[in-house]
Protein backbone atom coordinates (compact mmCIF):
# COMPACT_ATOMS: atom_id res chain seq x y z
CA MET A 1 -0.17 -0.03 0.04
CA ASN A 2 1.18 3.49 -0.87
CA HIS A 3 0.76 5.97 1.80
CA THR A 4 0.50 9.63 0.86
CA LEU A 5 0.69 10.67 4.78
CA LYS A 6 3.99 12.27 5.57
CA PRO A 7 5.43 11.69 9.04
CA ASP A 8 5.31 14.63 11.20
CA THR A 9 7.54 13.17 13.64
CA GLY A 10 10.97 14.43 13.40
CA ASP A 11 12.87 10.92 12.80
CA GLY A 12 9.77 9.14 11.50
CA MET A 13 10.71 5.94 13.42
CA LEU A 14 7.17 5.22 14.50
CA TYR A 15 5.66 6.02 11.06
CA ASN A 16 8.11 3.76 9.23
CA LEU A 17 7.39 0.96 11.98
CA LEU A 18 3.61 1.21 11.34
CA VAL A 19 4.20 1.02 7.42
CA SER A 20 6.24 -2.30 8.12
CA GLY A 21 3.29 -3.76 10.31
CA ALA A 22 2.15 -6.42 7.78
CA GLY A 23 -0.71 -4.39 6.65
CA GLN A 24 -2.21 -4.21 10.20
CA PHE A 25 -1.97 -0.38 10.23
CA ASP A 26 -2.94 0.47 6.77
CA SER A 27 -6.24 1.74 7.82
CA ILE A 28 -4.67 3.67 10.68
CA LEU A 29 -2.39 5.32 8.24
CA LYS A 30 -4.78 6.17 5.86
CA HIS A 31 -7.30 7.74 8.44
CA ALA A 32 -4.70 9.00 10.83
CA ALA A 33 -6.07 12.39 10.78
CA ASP A 34 -9.69 11.65 10.81
CA TRP A 35 -9.12 9.26 13.53
CA LYS A 36 -6.87 11.79 15.44
CA VAL A 37 -4.29 9.13 15.95
CA GLN A 38 -1.44 10.25 18.30
CA ILE A 39 1.43 7.84 19.62
CA ILE A 40 4.29 8.60 21.87
CA CYS A 41 6.81 5.56 22.34
CA THR A 42 9.76 5.76 24.77
CA GLN A 43 12.73 3.43 24.58
CA VAL A 44 14.49 2.47 27.75
CA ASP A 45 17.94 1.75 28.08
CA HIS A 46 18.98 0.66 31.49
CA LEU A 47 22.43 2.21 32.98
CA LYS A 48 24.40 1.44 36.12
CA LYS A 49 22.76 2.08 39.58
CA ASN A 50 19.30 1.76 38.09
CA LYS A 51 19.62 4.83 36.17
CA VAL A 52 17.97 4.95 32.77
CA LYS A 53 18.42 6.67 29.50
CA LEU A 54 14.96 7.34 27.61
CA THR A 55 14.71 8.10 23.99
CA THR A 56 11.29 9.13 22.82
CA HIS A 57 9.69 9.00 19.37
CA SER A 58 6.27 10.20 18.42
CA PHE A 59 3.61 9.95 15.50
CA ARG A 60 1.19 12.84 15.23
CA ASN A 61 1.89 14.03 18.66
CA ASP A 62 -0.02 17.54 18.81
CA PRO A 63 -1.00 18.99 22.18
CA SER A 64 -3.41 21.59 20.11
CA GLU A 65 -5.33 18.57 18.87
CA TYR A 66 -8.13 18.14 21.28
CA PHE A 67 -9.17 14.71 22.46
CA TYR A 68 -11.37 13.83 25.39
CA PRO A 69 -9.19 11.92 27.88
CA ALA A 70 -11.88 9.89 29.61
CA SER A 71 -10.47 8.09 32.51
CA THR A 72 -6.95 8.72 31.97
CA VAL A 73 -7.43 11.95 34.10
CA LYS A 74 -7.83 9.58 37.07
CA LEU A 75 -3.98 8.92 37.14
CA PRO A 76 -2.91 12.48 38.14
CA ILE A 77 -5.75 12.67 40.57
CA ALA A 78 -4.66 9.44 42.29
CA ILE A 79 -1.12 10.85 42.31
CA LEU A 80 -2.15 14.19 43.61
CA ALA A 81 -4.26 12.77 46.60
CA LEU A 82 -1.12 11.08 47.70
CA GLN A 83 1.11 14.36 47.32
CA LYS A 84 -1.67 16.32 49.32
CA LEU A 85 -1.25 13.91 52.06
CA ARG A 86 2.51 14.42 52.20
CA GLU A 87 2.07 18.22 51.96
CA LEU A 88 -0.32 18.36 55.07
CA LYS A 89 2.26 16.77 57.30
CA ILE A 90 -0.34 15.71 59.93
CA PRO A 91 0.71 13.22 62.34
CA GLY A 92 -1.20 10.14 62.02
CA LEU A 93 -2.81 11.07 58.66
CA THR A 94 -2.04 8.48 55.98
CA MET A 95 -3.68 7.10 52.93
CA ASN A 96 -5.31 4.32 55.11
CA SER A 97 -7.02 7.04 57.43
CA THR A 98 -10.92 6.89 57.34
CA MET A 99 -12.24 9.62 54.84
CA ILE A 100 -15.68 10.75 55.35
CA THR A 101 -17.09 12.66 52.58
CA GLU A 102 -19.91 15.20 53.75
CA ALA A 103 -22.46 16.82 51.42
CA GLU A 104 -23.00 20.72 51.06
CA GLY A 105 -25.98 21.47 48.77
CA PRO A 106 -28.56 19.48 47.00
CA VAL A 107 -26.16 18.03 44.21
CA GLN A 108 -23.48 16.70 46.45
CA THR A 109 -23.55 13.36 47.99
CA ALA A 110 -22.10 12.05 51.20
CA VAL A 111 -19.97 8.72 51.75
CA SER A 112 -19.42 7.34 55.09
CA THR A 113 -18.75 3.56 54.41
CA ASP A 114 -17.05 1.46 51.61
CA PRO A 115 -18.40 -2.09 51.40
CA SER A 116 -15.31 -3.03 49.16
CA ALA A 117 -12.90 -2.44 52.11
CA VAL A 118 -12.38 -5.22 54.68
CA ASN A 119 -13.13 -2.91 57.65
CA GLY A 120 -16.01 -1.28 55.54
CA LYS A 121 -14.18 2.31 55.72
CA PRO A 122 -13.48 4.55 52.69
CA THR A 123 -9.96 5.74 52.57
CA ILE A 124 -7.81 7.23 49.86
CA ALA A 125 -5.74 4.04 49.44
CA GLN A 126 -9.00 2.10 48.59
CA TYR A 127 -10.15 4.94 46.18
CA ILE A 128 -6.89 4.67 44.55
CA ARG A 129 -6.81 0.73 44.26
CA LYS A 130 -10.67 1.04 42.81
CA ILE A 131 -9.37 3.71 40.20
CA LEU A 132 -6.46 1.80 38.92
CA LEU A 133 -7.87 -1.73 38.86
CA VAL A 134 -11.23 -1.10 37.27
CA SER A 135 -11.31 2.60 36.69
CA ASP A 136 -14.22 3.29 39.15
CA ASN A 137 -15.97 6.77 38.44
CA ASP A 138 -17.17 7.25 41.98
CA ALA A 139 -13.59 6.68 43.49
CA PHE A 140 -12.44 9.30 41.15
CA ASN A 141 -15.17 11.72 42.14
CA ARG A 142 -14.27 11.28 45.93
CA LEU A 143 -10.62 12.27 45.36
CA TYR A 144 -11.57 15.08 43.10
CA GLU A 145 -13.79 16.48 45.93
CA PHE A 146 -10.89 16.10 48.51
CA LEU A 147 -8.32 17.86 46.30
CA GLY A 148 -10.73 20.60 44.73
CA GLN A 149 -10.43 22.07 41.36
CA GLU A 150 -7.97 24.79 42.15
CA TYR A 151 -5.42 22.43 43.89
CA ILE A 152 -5.50 19.99 41.01
CA ASN A 153 -5.05 22.44 38.09
CA ARG A 154 -2.62 25.04 39.83
CA ASN A 155 -0.34 22.08 40.82
CA LEU A 156 -0.46 20.58 37.48
CA HIS A 157 0.29 23.93 35.63
CA ARG A 158 3.08 24.63 38.05
CA MET A 159 4.54 21.42 37.13
CA GLY A 160 4.56 22.42 33.55
CA TYR A 161 1.18 20.72 32.52
CA THR A 162 -0.25 23.84 31.19
CA ASP A 163 -2.51 22.49 28.72
CA THR A 164 -4.06 20.15 30.98
CA ARG A 165 -7.35 20.86 32.87
CA ILE A 166 -9.46 18.61 35.06
CA ILE A 167 -12.62 20.47 35.98
CA HIS A 168 -15.45 17.89 36.32
CA ARG A 169 -16.60 14.89 37.91
CA LEU A 170 -17.18 11.80 36.05
CA SER A 171 -20.32 9.82 35.04
CA ILE A 172 -22.70 12.31 36.94
CA PHE A 173 -23.81 15.33 35.06
CA LEU A 174 -23.25 18.63 37.04
CA SER A 175 -23.11 22.19 35.73
CA GLU A 176 -19.79 23.98 35.30
CA LYS A 177 -20.75 26.00 38.65
CA ASP A 178 -21.79 22.82 40.42
CA ASN A 179 -18.26 21.06 39.66
CA ARG A 180 -16.45 24.33 40.98
CA HIS A 181 -18.01 23.26 44.38
CA THR A 182 -16.25 20.57 46.01
CA ASN A 183 -17.45 18.70 49.42
CA PRO A 184 -16.28 18.90 53.01
CA VAL A 185 -14.21 15.99 53.85
CA ARG A 186 -13.17 14.55 57.34
CA PHE A 187 -10.43 12.26 58.21
CA LEU A 188 -10.28 10.15 61.13
CA ASP A 189 -8.06 7.64 62.90
CA ASP A 190 -8.79 4.07 63.98
CA SER A 191 -10.51 5.50 67.26
CA GLY A 192 -12.88 7.95 65.28
CA LYS A 193 -10.74 10.97 66.56
CA LEU A 194 -10.64 13.75 63.75
CA LEU A 195 -7.30 14.05 62.20
CA TYR A 196 -7.99 16.73 59.54
CA TYR A 197 -11.11 18.57 58.19
CA LYS A 198 -10.96 20.18 54.72
CA PRO A 199 -13.96 22.47 54.39
CA ALA A 200 -16.30 22.73 51.25
CA GLU A 201 -14.51 24.91 48.56
CA THR A 202 -15.43 26.91 45.72
CA SER A 203 -12.75 27.21 42.72
CA THR A 204 -12.30 30.59 41.11
CA TRP A 205 -9.66 29.00 38.77
CA ASP A 206 -10.07 30.81 35.27
CA TYR A 207 -9.57 28.13 32.71
CA ALA A 208 -11.36 30.21 29.91
CA GLN A 209 -8.15 32.17 29.51
CA GLU A 210 -6.50 29.28 27.75
CA LYS A 211 -5.33 30.00 23.94
CA THR A 212 -6.94 27.07 22.26
CA PRO A 213 -9.79 28.32 19.92
CA VAL A 214 -13.26 27.33 20.89
CA ALA A 215 -13.75 25.92 17.50
CA GLN A 216 -11.27 23.18 18.15
CA TYR A 217 -13.83 21.87 20.80
CA LEU A 218 -16.63 21.65 18.40
CA MET A 219 -16.69 18.02 16.92
CA GLY A 220 -18.93 15.88 15.10
CA LYS A 221 -22.14 16.49 13.09
CA GLY A 222 -24.68 15.92 16.19
CA PHE A 223 -25.36 14.63 19.58
CA ILE A 224 -28.15 12.91 21.69
CA ARG A 225 -29.72 14.97 24.10
CA GLY A 226 -32.36 13.22 26.18
CA ASP A 227 -34.35 11.38 23.47
CA GLU A 228 -33.47 13.93 20.78
CA LEU A 229 -30.73 14.03 18.12
CA VAL A 230 -29.45 17.82 17.95
CA ASN A 231 -28.03 18.46 14.63
CA GLN A 232 -24.92 20.49 15.50
CA PRO A 233 -21.49 20.02 16.73
CA PHE A 234 -20.87 18.79 20.49
CA ASP A 235 -18.98 21.37 22.28
CA PHE A 236 -16.16 20.09 24.51
CA SER A 237 -14.97 23.44 25.74
CA THR A 238 -16.04 22.79 29.18
CA LYS A 239 -14.89 19.19 29.28
CA ASN A 240 -11.58 17.87 30.91
CA ARG A 241 -8.49 18.19 28.66
CA MET A 242 -5.10 16.29 28.98
CA PRO A 243 -2.81 16.18 25.89
CA LEU A 244 -1.15 12.80 25.12
CA GLY A 245 2.46 14.50 25.75
CA ASP A 246 1.27 15.44 29.31
CA LEU A 247 -0.30 12.00 30.09
CA HIS A 248 2.93 10.29 28.89
CA ALA A 249 5.20 12.47 31.19
CA ILE A 250 2.91 11.86 34.04
CA LEU A 251 3.39 8.23 33.60
CA THR A 252 6.96 8.40 33.16
CA SER A 253 7.40 10.44 36.34
CA ILE A 254 5.73 7.67 38.30
CA ILE A 255 7.74 4.78 36.50
CA PHE A 256 11.11 6.66 36.27
CA PRO A 257 10.84 9.78 38.56
CA GLU A 258 14.59 10.66 38.58
CA SER A 259 14.39 10.63 34.60
CA VAL A 260 12.16 13.84 34.42
CA PRO A 261 13.05 17.47 35.38
CA ALA A 262 12.69 18.19 38.91
CA LYS A 263 9.69 20.51 38.63
CA GLN A 264 7.64 17.54 36.85
CA ARG A 265 8.16 15.23 39.82
CA PHE A 266 5.19 14.93 42.44
CA HIS A 267 5.95 15.39 46.03
CA LEU A 268 5.92 11.69 46.84
CA GLN A 269 7.98 9.21 48.89
CA GLU A 270 9.36 5.76 47.63
CA GLU A 271 6.33 3.99 49.37
CA ASP A 272 3.87 6.11 47.34
CA TYR A 273 5.47 5.17 44.02
CA LEU A 274 5.63 1.46 44.96
CA PHE A 275 1.98 1.68 45.89
CA LEU A 276 0.97 3.26 42.71
CA ARG A 277 2.85 0.89 40.63
CA LYS A 278 1.55 -2.09 42.31
CA CYS A 279 -2.18 -0.95 41.91
CA MET A 280 -1.55 -0.14 38.05
CA SER A 281 -0.19 -3.61 37.46
CA ILE A 282 -2.22 -5.90 39.55
CA LEU A 283 -5.01 -7.77 37.92
CA PRO A 284 -8.65 -7.89 39.35
CA ARG A 285 -8.50 -11.58 40.15
CA GLU A 286 -5.31 -11.06 42.23
CA SER A 287 -7.15 -8.38 44.30
CA LYS A 288 -8.33 -9.21 47.80
CA SER A 289 -9.50 -5.74 48.76
CA PRO A 290 -11.35 -4.63 46.88
CA ALA A 291 -12.57 -8.15 45.57
CA TYR A 292 -13.89 -8.66 42.13
CA ASP A 293 -16.11 -10.65 40.24
CA THR A 294 -13.88 -12.28 37.59
CA THR A 295 -16.81 -13.20 35.39
CA ARG A 296 -17.26 -9.38 35.27
CA TYR A 297 -13.91 -7.94 35.76
CA GLY A 298 -11.31 -10.03 33.43
CA ASP A 299 -7.60 -9.94 33.62
CA ASN A 300 -7.51 -7.26 30.65
CA ILE A 301 -10.51 -5.09 31.45
CA VAL A 302 -8.25 -1.90 31.67
CA LYS A 303 -5.44 -3.31 29.56
CA PHE A 304 -6.01 -1.66 26.30
CA ILE A 305 -2.32 -1.55 24.89
CA TYR A 306 -1.03 -5.07 24.06
CA TYR A 307 -4.28 -6.85 24.94
CA GLY A 308 -6.87 -4.67 23.69
CA ALA A 309 -9.15 -5.46 26.77
CA ALA A 310 -9.61 -9.13 25.43
CA SER A 311 -10.98 -11.78 27.51
CA GLY A 312 -9.03 -14.61 28.96
CA ASN A 313 -6.03 -14.65 31.33
CA ALA A 314 -3.04 -12.05 30.91
CA ASP A 315 0.39 -13.51 30.81
CA THR A 316 2.03 -12.51 34.23
CA THR A 317 5.60 -12.60 33.02
CA ILE A 318 4.37 -9.36 31.37
CA ARG A 319 3.14 -6.61 33.66
CA ILE A 320 1.53 -3.59 32.23
CA PHE A 321 1.46 -0.51 34.39
CA ASN A 322 -1.13 1.74 32.74
CA LYS A 323 -4.13 3.82 33.09
CA PRO A 324 -6.65 3.75 29.97
CA GLY A 325 -9.81 5.68 29.24
CA ASP A 326 -12.62 5.50 26.63
CA ALA A 327 -15.73 7.85 26.30
CA TYR A 328 -17.54 9.70 23.66
CA GLY A 329 -15.76 7.57 20.98
CA PHE A 330 -12.12 8.61 22.19
CA MET A 331 -9.94 5.75 23.28
CA THR A 332 -6.51 6.43 24.99
CA ASP A 333 -3.96 4.57 26.99
CA ALA A 334 -0.65 5.23 28.73
CA ALA A 335 1.29 2.13 29.61
CA TYR A 336 4.84 0.99 30.83
CA VAL A 337 5.04 -2.60 29.46
CA ALA A 338 7.50 -4.75 31.61
CA ASP A 339 8.52 -8.18 30.01
CA PHE A 340 10.19 -9.91 32.95
CA LYS A 341 10.74 -13.09 30.96
CA ASN A 342 12.54 -11.52 27.93
CA LYS A 343 13.99 -8.69 30.07
CA ARG A 344 12.54 -5.82 27.99
CA ASP A 345 10.52 -2.61 28.77
CA PHE A 346 9.26 0.37 27.12
CA LEU A 347 6.51 3.35 27.58
CA LEU A 348 3.78 3.79 25.28
CA SER A 349 0.71 6.06 25.01
CA ALA A 350 -1.74 6.23 22.26
CA THR A 351 -5.01 7.72 21.41
CA ILE A 352 -7.49 7.27 18.53
CA TYR A 353 -10.88 8.60 17.80
CA CYS A 354 -13.53 5.80 17.12
CA ASN A 355 -16.73 7.54 16.07
CA SER A 356 -17.35 7.02 12.44
CA ASP A 357 -20.99 8.22 12.56
CA SER A 358 -20.04 11.31 14.21
CA ILE A 359 -22.91 11.39 16.55
CA PHE A 360 -22.07 11.77 20.31
CA ASN A 361 -23.92 10.00 23.18
CA ASP A 362 -25.67 7.45 20.94
CA ASP A 363 -23.55 4.67 22.24
CA HIS A 364 -22.76 3.82 18.68
CA TYR A 365 -18.97 3.89 19.03
CA ASP A 366 -16.16 1.68 17.09
CA TYR A 367 -14.22 0.58 20.23
CA ASP A 368 -14.30 -3.20 19.06
CA ALA A 369 -13.78 -2.53 15.42
CA ILE A 370 -11.05 0.15 15.47
CA GLY A 371 -9.97 1.01 18.88
CA PHE A 372 -9.21 -2.11 20.75
CA PRO A 373 -7.61 -3.80 17.88
CA PHE A 374 -5.20 -0.67 17.26
CA MET A 375 -4.20 -0.64 20.89
CA ARG A 376 -3.56 -4.44 20.92
CA ASN A 377 -1.57 -4.42 17.57
CA LEU A 378 0.33 -1.40 18.47
CA GLY A 379 1.48 -2.45 21.77
CA ARG A 380 2.63 -6.06 20.20
CA LEU A 381 4.36 -4.39 17.25
CA ILE A 382 6.35 -2.22 19.87
CA HIS A 383 6.99 -5.28 22.12
CA GLU A 384 8.16 -7.33 19.10
CA LYS A 385 10.51 -4.48 18.07
CA GLU A 386 11.95 -4.41 21.75
CA ILE A 387 12.49 -7.93 21.72
CA HIS A 388 14.83 -7.78 18.92
CA ARG A 389 16.61 -4.74 19.95
CA THR A 390 19.93 -5.31 21.78
CA PRO A 391 19.60 -3.31 25.05
CA THR A 392 22.52 -1.74 26.57
CA ARG A 393 22.02 -3.86 29.78
CA GLU A 394 19.35 -5.87 31.42
CA PRO A 395 16.81 -4.17 33.64
CA GLY A 396 17.17 -4.41 37.37
CA TRP A 397 13.42 -4.31 38.08
CA SER A 398 14.10 -2.50 41.51
CA GLY A 399 10.78 -1.06 42.41
CA PHE A 400 8.53 -3.13 39.91
CA LEU A 401 8.41 -6.70 41.23
CA PHE A 402 5.60 -7.12 43.67
CA ASN A 403 3.79 -10.05 45.70
CA TYR A 404 0.42 -9.55 44.54
CA LYS A 405 -1.07 -12.11 46.90
CA GLU A 406 -0.54 -9.56 49.86
């Protein structure tokens, strides 16, 4: 097949690799602009003393091209929740402290129990487990409410992620104003004593100042509102945003924190990094708390890259530390793939738009026909390339091997 699309990637490595992919990516290359395909891949060379050299390649990586990030925004929220705990420096306050969410106003909801926890009590740790194991929306909303809109966005912008904005809860439809209001939250110790109280907050953060033209947020030819088809583009200008480059950098900062600039490192300690990595890589059947029905939550339910969310058991000699998301026809995943058997690893992030009828909210998206095959084939293509590449030295895997039975 002749491809008229020119690589816009500097060295063109990923473009050439896709062309060589035995026809699997012909449609991707043909429709790359229409399907808003973006890919970032980082080659990892391990050096002495657990240091690494990272070499990054990209295909159509464009921070100005909007895509809806869906559940991928849960990754920075999980990280920031641990960071805020560290910053508070309150004796006895940890990720395992009981977290009681209160309600202030008619649209907010309260939470005082968590049936998924062994002791029945909600905690930041349990919310993060649910976010990273099965992409739980309510768990995300509770951490969003703990952090508050201003803390989230001011910290991300301070770190250099100025094109990212996280401004609303997920799966519940609230007004822009209501999403600025976040709940009061109390933290208690095991005896019920108050450790910390975060009052209700109202964000005054002005994200309307961003430079992206509103026209870039108008997509498709129609959308469903109630039972009605509205024949006009859907407006994403008040939705969350996270460019693929920001997502890839955030993932890299958790996997190899010393490899990113100091300003892009979250204020975490080693046990926080280990906790996040374990939660990102554990399979639902391996989890005891929360425990999941494996007929509903298979091994690969949140493993898009390499597995395409396919049914069946995962190869546990390969661990995927990732955070995916799909909504409104957009599918995205950011993953660190560690092949312990072949002693290879790489970082890979990708997004694709799977909405051939250009109608939003109709639940007729092309995830199965386009999105999942793309993610699976791409992950395996990069994996195969890495297996045949001669590394500088074998990975040490310090900080990536876990006992998932604990």
